[in-house]
Amino acid sequence: MEKTITFEDFSKTDLRVGTIIEVNDFPKARKPAYQLTIDFGDLGIKKTSAQVTTLYQKEDLLNKQIVAVVNFPKKQIANFMSECLILGAVNGKDVILLNPEHKVKNGSVVS
């Protein structure tokens, strides 16, 4: 179902590029997931949980740049506090992470 939003609605979403600097297993998550620590440059370090275990091994994610929403409120997931939402294309159980084609500065705005 397609929902129409205004440009003003879209502009409230703060999308940034960050680099994954730490990846850990998340055994307490209901569905298989990793705990990620991401460097967003001047915005600082944020953590999130990501259900990307079907396509990515931990070593594949380390130092990978990703796109994330950084202005959502924090969300408790099991015993972990998620501070951002990484973006990916969903194909069944698989999630393909969105990332810049070329390396960019951490914290770069996505628009």
PDB file of N, CA and C in Angstrom:
ATOM      1  N   MET A   1       0.829  -1.166   0.000  1.00  0.00           N
ATOM      2  CA  MET A   1       0.000   0.000   0.000  1.00  0.00           C
ATOM      3  C   MET A   1       0.890   1.252   0.000  1.00  0.00           C
ATOM      4  N   GLU A   2       0.678   2.098  -0.962  1.00  0.00           N
ATOM      5  CA  GLU A   2       1.456   3.332  -1.085  1.00  0.00           C
ATOM      6  C   GLU A   2       0.760   4.453  -0.327  1.00  0.00           C
ATOM      7  N   LYS A   3       1.529   5.143   0.523  1.00  0.00           N
ATOM      8  CA  LYS A   3       0.992   6.274   1.262  1.00  0.00           C
ATOM      9  C   LYS A   3       1.734   7.518   0.813  1.00  0.00           C
ATOM     10  N   THR A   4       0.999   8.565   0.528  1.00  0.00           N
ATOM     11  CA  THR A   4       1.599   9.815   0.098  1.00  0.00           C
ATOM     12  C   THR A   4       1.934  10.677   1.314  1.00  0.00           C
ATOM     13  N   ILE A   5       3.153  11.221   1.319  1.00  0.00           N
ATOM     14  CA  ILE A   5       3.553  12.152   2.360  1.00  0.00           C
ATOM     15  C   ILE A   5       4.000  13.445   1.692  1.00  0.00           C
ATOM     16  N   THR A   6       4.092  14.495   2.459  1.00  0.00           N
ATOM     17  CA  THR A   6       4.574  15.759   1.924  1.00  0.00           C
ATOM     18  C   THR A   6       6.092  15.797   2.014  1.00  0.00           C
ATOM     19  N   PHE A   7       6.697  16.736   1.290  1.00  0.00           N
ATOM     20  CA  PHE A   7       8.139  16.908   1.398  1.00  0.00           C
ATOM     21  C   PHE A   7       8.503  17.313   2.818  1.00  0.00           C
ATOM     22  N   GLU A   8       7.643  18.084   3.461  1.00  0.00           N
ATOM     23  CA  GLU A   8       7.883  18.488   4.853  1.00  0.00           C
ATOM     24  C   GLU A   8       7.963  17.258   5.755  1.00  0.00           C
ATOM     25  N   ASP A   9       7.070  16.273   5.529  1.00  0.00           N
ATOM     26  CA  ASP A   9       7.126  15.022   6.297  1.00  0.00           C
ATOM     27  C   ASP A   9       8.474  14.327   6.084  1.00  0.00           C
ATOM     28  N   PHE A  10       8.884  14.209   4.837  1.00  0.00           N
ATOM     29  CA  PHE A  10      10.142  13.538   4.512  1.00  0.00           C
ATOM     30  C   PHE A  10      11.330  14.270   5.135  1.00  0.00           C
ATOM     31  N   SER A  11      11.295  15.591   5.106  1.00  0.00           N
ATOM     32  CA  SER A  11      12.445  16.367   5.589  1.00  0.00           C
ATOM     33  C   SER A  11      12.649  16.223   7.102  1.00  0.00           C
ATOM     34  N   LYS A  12      11.683  15.692   7.820  1.00  0.00           N
ATOM     35  CA  LYS A  12      11.835  15.435   9.255  1.00  0.00           C
ATOM     36  C   LYS A  12      12.718  14.210   9.520  1.00  0.00           C
ATOM     37  N   THR A  13      12.910  13.373   8.510  1.00  0.00           N
ATOM     38  CA  THR A  13      13.719  12.161   8.652  1.00  0.00           C
ATOM     39  C   THR A  13      15.186  12.497   8.420  1.00  0.00           C
ATOM     40  N   ASP A  14      16.020  12.228   9.423  1.00  0.00           N
ATOM     41  CA  ASP A  14      17.450  12.515   9.326  1.00  0.00           C
ATOM     42  C   ASP A  14      18.175  11.230   8.924  1.00  0.00           C
ATOM     43  N   LEU A  15      18.503  11.132   7.640  1.00  0.00           N
ATOM     44  CA  LEU A  15      19.206   9.973   7.087  1.00  0.00           C
ATOM     45  C   LEU A  15      20.683  10.306   6.981  1.00  0.00           C
ATOM     46  N   ARG A  16      21.524   9.435   7.538  1.00  0.00           N
ATOM     47  CA  ARG A  16      22.968   9.679   7.535  1.00  0.00           C
ATOM     48  C   ARG A  16      23.731   8.417   7.173  1.00  0.00           C
ATOM     49  N   VAL A  17      24.951   8.617   6.708  1.00  0.00           N
ATOM     50  CA  VAL A  17      25.873   7.515   6.433  1.00  0.00           C
ATOM     51  C   VAL A  17      26.758   7.324   7.651  1.00  0.00           C
ATOM     52  N   GLY A  18      26.952   6.073   8.022  1.00  0.00           N
ATOM     53  CA  GLY A  18      27.855   5.743   9.113  1.00  0.00           C
ATOM     54  C   GLY A  18      28.639   4.487   8.783  1.00  0.00           C
ATOM     55  N   THR A  19      29.695   4.249   9.543  1.00  0.00           N
ATOM     56  CA  THR A  19      30.529   3.063   9.355  1.00  0.00           C
ATOM     57  C   THR A  19      30.384   2.144  10.564  1.00  0.00           C
ATOM     58  N   ILE A  20      30.101   0.880  10.302  1.00  0.00           N
ATOM     59  CA  ILE A  20      29.960  -0.110  11.372  1.00  0.00           C
ATOM     60  C   ILE A  20      31.350  -0.388  11.947  1.00  0.00           C
ATOM     61  N   ILE A  21      31.500  -0.143  13.249  1.00  0.00           N
ATOM     62  CA  ILE A  21      32.817  -0.314  13.874  1.00  0.00           C
ATOM     63  C   ILE A  21      32.857  -1.495  14.848  1.00  0.00           C
ATOM     64  N   GLU A  22      31.687  -2.056  15.172  1.00  0.00           N
ATOM     65  CA  GLU A  22      31.650  -3.230  16.046  1.00  0.00           C
ATOM     66  C   GLU A  22      30.401  -4.043  15.730  1.00  0.00           C
ATOM     67  N   VAL A  23      30.556  -5.365  15.720  1.00  0.00           N
ATOM     68  CA  VAL A  23      29.438  -6.279  15.451  1.00  0.00           C
ATOM     69  C   VAL A  23      29.471  -7.385  16.501  1.00  0.00           C
ATOM     70  N   ASN A  24      28.334  -7.582  17.169  1.00  0.00           N
ATOM     71  CA  ASN A  24      28.234  -8.649  18.170  1.00  0.00           C
ATOM     72  C   ASN A  24      26.976  -9.470  17.942  1.00  0.00           C
ATOM     73  N   ASP A  25      27.035 -10.730  18.334  1.00  0.00           N
ATOM     74  CA  ASP A  25      25.834 -11.559  18.312  1.00  0.00           C
ATOM     75  C   ASP A  25      24.816 -10.979  19.294  1.00  0.00           C
ATOM     76  N   PHE A  26      23.533 -11.258  19.051  1.00  0.00           N
ATOM     77  CA  PHE A  26      22.462 -10.766  19.919  1.00  0.00           C
ATOM     78  C   PHE A  26      21.557 -11.943  20.281  1.00  0.00           C
ATOM     79  N   PRO A  27      22.029 -12.817  21.176  1.00  0.00           N
ATOM     80  CA  PRO A  27      21.289 -14.041  21.485  1.00  0.00           C
ATOM     81  C   PRO A  27      19.925 -13.804  22.149  1.00  0.00           C
ATOM     82  N   LYS A  28      19.708 -12.652  22.771  1.00  0.00           N
ATOM     83  CA  LYS A  28      18.430 -12.391  23.445  1.00  0.00           C
ATOM     84  C   LYS A  28      17.356 -11.840  22.515  1.00  0.00           C
ATOM     85  N   ALA A  29      17.708 -11.536  21.270  1.00  0.00           N
ATOM     86  CA  ALA A  29      16.723 -11.050  20.299  1.00  0.00           C
ATOM     87  C   ALA A  29      15.760 -12.176  19.940  1.00  0.00           C
ATOM     88  N   ARG A  30      14.486 -11.828  19.696  1.00  0.00           N
ATOM     89  CA  ARG A  30      13.488 -12.844  19.329  1.00  0.00           C
ATOM     90  C   ARG A  30      13.798 -13.489  17.988  1.00  0.00           C
ATOM     91  N   LYS A  31      14.245 -12.676  17.026  1.00  0.00           N
ATOM     92  CA  LYS A  31      14.651 -13.184  15.716  1.00  0.00           C
ATOM     93  C   LYS A  31      16.158 -12.989  15.597  1.00  0.00           C
ATOM     94  N   PRO A  32      16.844 -13.848  14.834  1.00  0.00           N
ATOM     95  CA  PRO A  32      18.304 -13.723  14.712  1.00  0.00           C
ATOM     96  C   PRO A  32      18.715 -12.301  14.304  1.00  0.00           C
ATOM     97  N   ALA A  33      19.666 -11.733  15.055  1.00  0.00           N
ATOM     98  CA  ALA A  33      20.096 -10.352  14.815  1.00  0.00           C
ATOM     99  C   ALA A  33      21.513 -10.149  15.332  1.00  0.00           C
ATOM    100  N   TYR A  34      22.094  -9.037  14.892  1.00  0.00           N
ATOM    101  CA  TYR A  34      23.381  -8.587  15.419  1.00  0.00           C
ATOM    102  C   TYR A  34      23.163  -7.275  16.162  1.00  0.00           C
ATOM    103  N   GLN A  35      24.047  -7.006  17.107  1.00  0.00           N
ATOM    104  CA  GLN A  35      24.139  -5.685  17.724  1.00  0.00           C
ATOM    105  C   GLN A  35      25.262  -4.959  16.993  1.00  0.00           C
ATOM    106  N   LEU A  36      24.960  -3.776  16.455  1.00  0.00           N
ATOM    107  CA  LEU A  36      25.927  -3.012  15.683  1.00  0.00           C
ATOM    108  C   LEU A  36      26.258  -1.708  16.396  1.00  0.00           C
ATOM    109  N   THR A  37      27.520  -1.329  16.354  1.00  0.00           N
ATOM    110  CA  THR A  37      27.963  -0.017  16.822  1.00  0.00           C
ATOM    111  C   THR A  37      28.430   0.728  15.581  1.00  0.00           C
ATOM    112  N   ILE A  38      27.896   1.941  15.377  1.00  0.00           N
ATOM    113  CA  ILE A  38      28.104   2.670  14.128  1.00  0.00           C
ATOM    114  C   ILE A  38      28.667   4.055  14.417  1.00  0.00           C
ATOM    115  N   ASP A  39      29.698   4.435  13.674  1.00  0.00           N
ATOM    116  CA  ASP A  39      30.319   5.756  13.789  1.00  0.00           C
ATOM    117  C   ASP A  39      29.668   6.697  12.779  1.00  0.00           C
ATOM    118  N   PHE A  40      28.996   7.746  13.301  1.00  0.00           N
ATOM    119  CA  PHE A  40      28.362   8.750  12.456  1.00  0.00           C
ATOM    120  C   PHE A  40      29.131  10.073  12.473  1.00  0.00           C
ATOM    121  N   GLY A  41      30.441  10.006  12.619  1.00  0.00           N
ATOM    122  CA  GLY A  41      31.271  11.212  12.569  1.00  0.00           C
ATOM    123  C   GLY A  41      30.908  12.186  13.670  1.00  0.00           C
ATOM    124  N   ASP A  42      30.610  13.438  13.285  1.00  0.00           N
ATOM    125  CA  ASP A  42      30.295  14.492  14.251  1.00  0.00           C
ATOM    126  C   ASP A  42      29.055  14.182  15.090  1.00  0.00           C
ATOM    127  N   LEU A  43      28.178  13.305  14.609  1.00  0.00           N
ATOM    128  CA  LEU A  43      26.978  12.927  15.373  1.00  0.00           C
ATOM    129  C   LEU A  43      27.311  11.930  16.477  1.00  0.00           C
ATOM    130  N   GLY A  44      28.482  11.340  16.416  1.00  0.00           N
ATOM    131  CA  GLY A  44      28.911  10.398  17.438  1.00  0.00           C
ATOM    132  C   GLY A  44      28.654   8.947  17.081  1.00  0.00           C
ATOM    133  N   ILE A  45      28.761   8.116  18.102  1.00  0.00           N
ATOM    134  CA  ILE A  45      28.605   6.665  17.967  1.00  0.00           C
ATOM    135  C   ILE A  45      27.190   6.293  18.396  1.00  0.00           C
ATOM    136  N   LYS A  46      26.518   5.473  17.591  1.00  0.00           N
ATOM    137  CA  LYS A  46      25.174   4.993  17.931  1.00  0.00           C
ATOM    138  C   LYS A  46      25.145   3.477  17.785  1.00  0.00           C
ATOM    139  N   LYS A  47      24.237   2.864  18.541  1.00  0.00           N
ATOM    140  CA  LYS A  47      24.079   1.410  18.495  1.00  0.00           C
ATOM    141  C   LYS A  47      22.700   1.063  17.948  1.00  0.00           C
ATOM    142  N   THR A  48      22.624  -0.109  17.327  1.00  0.00           N
ATOM    143  CA  THR A  48      21.350  -0.598  16.825  1.00  0.00           C
ATOM    144  C   THR A  48      21.381  -2.110  16.746  1.00  0.00           C
ATOM    145  N   SER A  49      20.211  -2.687  16.610  1.00  0.00           N
ATOM    146  CA  SER A  49      20.054  -4.113  16.380  1.00  0.00           C
ATOM    147  C   SER A  49      19.602  -4.288  14.934  1.00  0.00           C
ATOM    148  N   ALA A  50      20.134  -5.296  14.258  1.00  0.00           N
ATOM    149  CA  ALA A  50      19.792  -5.493  12.851  1.00  0.00           C
ATOM    150  C   ALA A  50      19.582  -6.969  12.545  1.00  0.00           C
ATOM    151  N   GLN A  51      18.449  -7.271  11.934  1.00  0.00           N
ATOM    152  CA  GLN A  51      18.129  -8.643  11.533  1.00  0.00           C
ATOM    153  C   GLN A  51      18.677  -8.892  10.133  1.00  0.00           C
ATOM    154  N   VAL A  52      19.987  -8.996  10.046  1.00  0.00           N
ATOM    155  CA  VAL A  52      20.663  -9.156   8.759  1.00  0.00           C
ATOM    156  C   VAL A  52      21.542 -10.400   8.725  1.00  0.00           C
ATOM    157  N   THR A  53      21.224 -11.367   9.576  1.00  0.00           N
ATOM    158  CA  THR A  53      22.095 -12.540   9.731  1.00  0.00           C
ATOM    159  C   THR A  53      21.997 -13.530   8.573  1.00  0.00           C
ATOM    160  N   THR A  54      20.972 -13.449   7.728  1.00  0.00           N
ATOM    161  CA  THR A  54      20.854 -14.424   6.639  1.00  0.00           C
ATOM    162  C   THR A  54      21.839 -14.153   5.507  1.00  0.00           C
ATOM    163  N   LEU A  55      22.194 -12.886   5.292  1.00  0.00           N
ATOM    164  CA  LEU A  55      23.090 -12.544   4.182  1.00  0.00           C
ATOM    165  C   LEU A  55      24.467 -12.073   4.613  1.00  0.00           C
ATOM    166  N   TYR A  56      24.612 -11.672   5.876  1.00  0.00           N
ATOM    167  CA  TYR A  56      25.871 -11.069   6.321  1.00  0.00           C
ATOM    168  C   TYR A  56      26.459 -11.819   7.509  1.00  0.00           C
ATOM    169  N   GLN A  57      27.746 -12.105   7.421  1.00  0.00           N
ATOM    170  CA  GLN A  57      28.510 -12.591   8.552  1.00  0.00           C
ATOM    171  C   GLN A  57      29.060 -11.361   9.280  1.00  0.00           C
ATOM    172  N   LYS A  58      29.433 -11.541  10.541  1.00  0.00           N
ATOM    173  CA  LYS A  58      29.927 -10.404  11.317  1.00  0.00           C
ATOM    174  C   LYS A  58      31.106  -9.714  10.622  1.00  0.00           C
ATOM    175  N   GLU A  59      32.026 -10.514  10.083  1.00  0.00           N
ATOM    176  CA  GLU A  59      33.203  -9.924   9.442  1.00  0.00           C
ATOM    177  C   GLU A  59      32.857  -9.160   8.163  1.00  0.00           C
ATOM    178  N   ASP A  60      31.723  -9.509   7.507  1.00  0.00           N
ATOM    179  CA  ASP A  60      31.276  -8.778   6.310  1.00  0.00           C
ATOM    180  C   ASP A  60      30.808  -7.369   6.675  1.00  0.00           C
ATOM    181  N   LEU A  61      30.285  -7.211   7.883  1.00  0.00           N
ATOM    182  CA  LEU A  61      29.698  -5.941   8.300  1.00  0.00           C
ATOM    183  C   LEU A  61      30.713  -4.958   8.868  1.00  0.00           C
ATOM    184  N   LEU A  62      31.781  -5.475   9.444  1.00  0.00           N
ATOM    185  CA  LEU A  62      32.772  -4.613  10.072  1.00  0.00           C
ATOM    186  C   LEU A  62      33.393  -3.675   9.036  1.00  0.00           C
ATOM    187  N   ASN A  63      33.397  -2.389   9.332  1.00  0.00           N
ATOM    188  CA  ASN A  63      33.924  -1.320   8.467  1.00  0.00           C
ATOM    189  C   ASN A  63      33.073  -1.045   7.231  1.00  0.00           C
ATOM    190  N   LYS A  64      31.871  -1.590   7.178  1.00  0.00           N
ATOM    191  CA  LYS A  64      30.954  -1.339   6.066  1.00  0.00           C
ATOM    192  C   LYS A  64      30.189  -0.042   6.324  1.00  0.00           C
ATOM    193  N   GLN A  65      30.070   0.793   5.303  1.00  0.00           N
ATOM    194  CA  GLN A  65      29.238   1.988   5.432  1.00  0.00           C
ATOM    195  C   GLN A  65      27.792   1.621   5.152  1.00  0.00           C
ATOM    196  N   ILE A  66      26.899   2.231   5.921  1.00  0.00           N
ATOM    197  CA  ILE A  66      25.462   1.975   5.786  1.00  0.00           C
ATOM    198  C   ILE A  66      24.714   3.305   5.851  1.00  0.00           C
ATOM    199  N   VAL A  67      23.417   3.245   5.544  1.00  0.00           N
ATOM    200  CA  VAL A  67      22.527   4.397   5.673  1.00  0.00           C
ATOM    201  C   VAL A  67      21.569   4.104   6.814  1.00  0.00           C
ATOM    202  N   ALA A  68      21.339   5.111   7.668  1.00  0.00           N
ATOM    203  CA  ALA A  68      20.459   4.914   8.819  1.00  0.00           C
ATOM    204  C   ALA A  68      19.647   6.169   9.109  1.00  0.00           C
ATOM    205  N   VAL A  69      18.500   5.957   9.736  1.00  0.00           N
ATOM    206  CA  VAL A  69      17.710   7.043  10.300  1.00  0.00           C
ATOM    207  C   VAL A  69      18.269   7.271  11.702  1.00  0.00           C
ATOM    208  N   VAL A  70      18.698   8.505  11.985  1.00  0.00           N
ATOM    209  CA  VAL A  70      19.359   8.765  13.265  1.00  0.00           C
ATOM    210  C   VAL A  70      18.529   9.612  14.230  1.00  0.00           C
ATOM    211  N   ASN A  71      17.311   9.996  13.823  1.00  0.00           N
ATOM    212  CA  ASN A  71      16.523  10.848  14.719  1.00  0.00           C
ATOM    213  C   ASN A  71      15.235  10.192  15.221  1.00  0.00           C
ATOM    214  N   PHE A  72      15.207   8.863  15.255  1.00  0.00           N
ATOM    215  CA  PHE A  72      14.120   8.167  15.950  1.00  0.00           C
ATOM    216  C   PHE A  72      14.420   8.175  17.444  1.00  0.00           C
ATOM    217  N   PRO A  73      13.392   8.079  18.295  1.00  0.00           N
ATOM    218  CA  PRO A  73      13.666   7.926  19.719  1.00  0.00           C
ATOM    219  C   PRO A  73      14.306   6.561  19.980  1.00  0.00           C
ATOM    220  N   LYS A  74      15.055   6.448  21.073  1.00  0.00           N
ATOM    221  CA  LYS A  74      15.668   5.173  21.438  1.00  0.00           C
ATOM    222  C   LYS A  74      14.575   4.135  21.662  1.00  0.00           C
ATOM    223  N   LYS A  75      14.911   2.866  21.355  1.00  0.00           N
ATOM    224  CA  LYS A  75      13.942   1.782  21.493  1.00  0.00           C
ATOM    225  C   LYS A  75      14.598   0.599  22.191  1.00  0.00           C
ATOM    226  N   GLN A  76      13.929   0.091  23.217  1.00  0.00           N
ATOM    227  CA  GLN A  76      14.426  -1.075  23.951  1.00  0.00           C
ATOM    228  C   GLN A  76      14.106  -2.337  23.159  1.00  0.00           C
ATOM    229  N   ILE A  77      15.129  -3.143  22.887  1.00  0.00           N
ATOM    230  CA  ILE A  77      14.966  -4.436  22.224  1.00  0.00           C
ATOM    231  C   ILE A  77      15.638  -5.463  23.125  1.00  0.00           C
ATOM    232  N   ALA A  78      14.834  -6.285  23.782  1.00  0.00           N
ATOM    233  CA  ALA A  78      15.338  -7.222  24.801  1.00  0.00           C
ATOM    234  C   ALA A  78      16.127  -6.419  25.834  1.00  0.00           C
ATOM    235  N   ASN A  79      17.396  -6.767  26.038  1.00  0.00           N
ATOM    236  CA  ASN A  79      18.216  -6.070  27.032  1.00  0.00           C
ATOM    237  C   ASN A  79      19.117  -5.010  26.393  1.00  0.00           C
ATOM    238  N   PHE A  80      18.750  -4.511  25.220  1.00  0.00           N
ATOM    239  CA  PHE A  80      19.604  -3.641  24.412  1.00  0.00           C
ATOM    240  C   PHE A  80      18.819  -2.393  24.008  1.00  0.00           C
ATOM    241  N   MET A  81      19.489  -1.231  24.006  1.00  0.00           N
ATOM    242  CA  MET A  81      18.847   0.019  23.601  1.00  0.00           C
ATOM    243  C   MET A  81      19.299   0.399  22.195  1.00  0.00           C
ATOM    244  N   SER A  82      18.360   0.399  21.252  1.00  0.00           N
ATOM    245  CA  SER A  82      18.650   0.764  19.871  1.00  0.00           C
ATOM    246  C   SER A  82      18.520   2.282  19.719  1.00  0.00           C
ATOM    247  N   GLU A  83      19.511   2.903  19.050  1.00  0.00           N
ATOM    248  CA  GLU A  83      19.555   4.362  18.927  1.00  0.00           C
ATOM    249  C   GLU A  83      19.382   4.874  17.505  1.00  0.00           C
ATOM    250  N   CYS A  84      19.306   3.970  16.543  1.00  0.00           N
ATOM    251  CA  CYS A  84      19.106   4.368  15.146  1.00  0.00           C
ATOM    252  C   CYS A  84      18.508   3.181  14.394  1.00  0.00           C
ATOM    253  N   LEU A  85      18.129   3.394  13.144  1.00  0.00           N
ATOM    254  CA  LEU A  85      17.538   2.337  12.320  1.00  0.00           C
ATOM    255  C   LEU A  85      18.281   2.271  10.998  1.00  0.00           C
ATOM    256  N   ILE A  86      19.005   1.168  10.768  1.00  0.00           N
ATOM    257  CA  ILE A  86      19.687   1.027   9.479  1.00  0.00           C
ATOM    258  C   ILE A  86      18.660   0.639   8.425  1.00  0.00           C
ATOM    259  N   LEU A  87      18.935   1.034   7.179  1.00  0.00           N
ATOM    260  CA  LEU A  87      17.987   0.816   6.095  1.00  0.00           C
ATOM    261  C   LEU A  87      18.458  -0.306   5.174  1.00  0.00           C
ATOM    262  N   GLY A  88      17.495  -1.077   4.707  1.00  0.00           N
ATOM    263  CA  GLY A  88      17.799  -2.160   3.790  1.00  0.00           C
ATOM    264  C   GLY A  88      16.585  -2.520   2.963  1.00  0.00           C
ATOM    265  N   ALA A  89      16.825  -3.151   1.840  1.00  0.00           N
ATOM    266  CA  ALA A  89      15.764  -3.664   0.978  1.00  0.00           C
ATOM    267  C   ALA A  89      15.396  -5.051   1.490  1.00  0.00           C
ATOM    268  N   VAL A  90      14.110  -5.278   1.724  1.00  0.00           N
ATOM    269  CA  VAL A  90      13.637  -6.542   2.287  1.00  0.00           C
ATOM    270  C   VAL A  90      13.177  -7.461   1.163  1.00  0.00           C
ATOM    271  N   ASN A  91      13.719  -8.684   1.183  1.00  0.00           N
ATOM    272  CA  ASN A  91      13.352  -9.695   0.204  1.00  0.00           C
ATOM    273  C   ASN A  91      13.092 -10.987   0.973  1.00  0.00           C
ATOM    274  N   GLY A  92      11.854 -11.179   1.441  1.00  0.00           N
ATOM    275  CA  GLY A  92      11.533 -12.329   2.278  1.00  0.00           C
ATOM    276  C   GLY A  92      12.236 -12.194   3.614  1.00  0.00           C
ATOM    277  N   LYS A  93      13.074 -13.190   3.965  1.00  0.00           N
ATOM    278  CA  LYS A  93      13.825 -13.140   5.221  1.00  0.00           C
ATOM    279  C   LYS A  93      15.156 -12.404   5.070  1.00  0.00           C
ATOM    280  N   ASP A  94      15.516 -12.076   3.842  1.00  0.00           N
ATOM    281  CA  ASP A  94      16.782 -11.403   3.573  1.00  0.00           C
ATOM    282  C   ASP A  94      16.624  -9.890   3.600  1.00  0.00           C
ATOM    283  N   VAL A  95      17.626  -9.212   4.164  1.00  0.00           N
ATOM    284  CA  VAL A  95      17.685  -7.752   4.154  1.00  0.00           C
ATOM    285  C   VAL A  95      19.018  -7.368   3.526  1.00  0.00           C
ATOM    286  N   ILE A  96      18.942  -6.598   2.419  1.00  0.00           N
ATOM    287  CA  ILE A  96      20.136  -6.132   1.726  1.00  0.00           C
ATOM    288  C   ILE A  96      20.349  -4.692   2.157  1.00  0.00           C
ATOM    289  N   LEU A  97      21.449  -4.433   2.858  1.00  0.00           N
ATOM    290  CA  LEU A  97      21.702  -3.107   3.409  1.00  0.00           C
ATOM    291  C   LEU A  97      21.933  -2.063   2.322  1.00  0.00           C
ATOM    292  N   LEU A  98      21.392  -0.865   2.551  1.00  0.00           N
ATOM    293  CA  LEU A  98      21.636   0.259   1.648  1.00  0.00           C
ATOM    294  C   LEU A  98      22.952   0.905   2.053  1.00  0.00           C
ATOM    295  N   ASN A  99      23.775   1.211   1.055  1.00  0.00           N
ATOM    296  CA  ASN A  99      25.054   1.836   1.340  1.00  0.00           C
ATOM    297  C   ASN A  99      25.491   2.684   0.150  1.00  0.00           C
ATOM    298  N   PRO A 100      26.344   3.690   0.417  1.00  0.00           N
ATOM    299  CA  PRO A 100      26.818   4.523  -0.695  1.00  0.00           C
ATOM    300  C   PRO A 100      27.718   3.720  -1.627  1.00  0.00           C
ATOM    301  N   GLU A 101      27.687   4.078  -2.893  1.00  0.00           N
ATOM    302  CA  GLU A 101      28.511   3.400  -3.900  1.00  0.00           C
ATOM    303  C   GLU A 101      29.998   3.662  -3.681  1.00  0.00           C
ATOM    304  N   HIS A 102      30.311   4.859  -3.183  1.00  0.00           N
ATOM    305  CA  HIS A 102      31.693   5.238  -2.890  1.00  0.00           C
ATOM    306  C   HIS A 102      31.786   5.625  -1.422  1.00  0.00           C
ATOM    307  N   LYS A 103      32.969   5.496  -0.856  1.00  0.00           N
ATOM    308  CA  LYS A 103      33.180   5.868   0.548  1.00  0.00           C
ATOM    309  C   LYS A 103      32.944   7.370   0.713  1.00  0.00           C
ATOM    310  N   VAL A 104      32.183   7.723   1.754  1.00  0.00           N
ATOM    311  CA  VAL A 104      31.908   9.128   2.061  1.00  0.00           C
ATOM    312  C   VAL A 104      32.210   9.377   3.534  1.00  0.00           C
ATOM    313  N   LYS A 105      32.225  10.628   3.918  1.00  0.00           N
ATOM    314  CA  LYS A 105      32.506  11.010   5.294  1.00  0.00           C
ATOM    315  C   LYS A 105      31.371  10.507   6.202  1.00  0.00           C
ATOM    316  N   ASN A 106      31.739   9.892   7.338  1.00  0.00           N
ATOM    317  CA  ASN A 106      30.731   9.480   8.299  1.00  0.00           C
ATOM    318  C   ASN A 106      29.913  10.679   8.750  1.00  0.00           C
ATOM    319  N   GLY A 107      28.597  10.496   8.819  1.00  0.00           N
ATOM    320  CA  GLY A 107      27.694  11.578   9.179  1.00  0.00           C
ATOM    321  C   GLY A 107      27.136  12.314   7.976  1.00  0.00           C
ATOM    322  N   SER A 108      27.583  11.962   6.764  1.00  0.00           N
ATOM    323  CA  SER A 108      27.067  12.625   5.569  1.00  0.00           C
ATOM    324  C   SER A 108      25.555  12.488   5.494  1.00  0.00           C
ATOM    325  N   VAL A 109      24.899  13.574   5.095  1.00  0.00           N
ATOM    326  CA  VAL A 109      23.445  13.596   4.979  1.00  0.00           C
ATOM    327  C   VAL A 109      23.031  12.859   3.708  1.00  0.00           C
ATOM    328  N   VAL A 110      21.969  12.070   3.806  1.00  0.00           N
ATOM    329  CA  VAL A 110      21.377  11.390   2.662  1.00  0.00           C
ATOM    330  C   VAL A 110      20.073  12.113   2.362  1.00  0.00           C
ATOM    331  N   SER A 111      19.877  12.515   1.109  1.00  0.00           N
ATOM    332  CA  SER A 111      18.626  13.213   0.762  1.00  0.00           C
ATOM    333  C   SER A 111      18.128  12.771  -0.591  1.00  0.00           C
TER     334      SER A 111
END
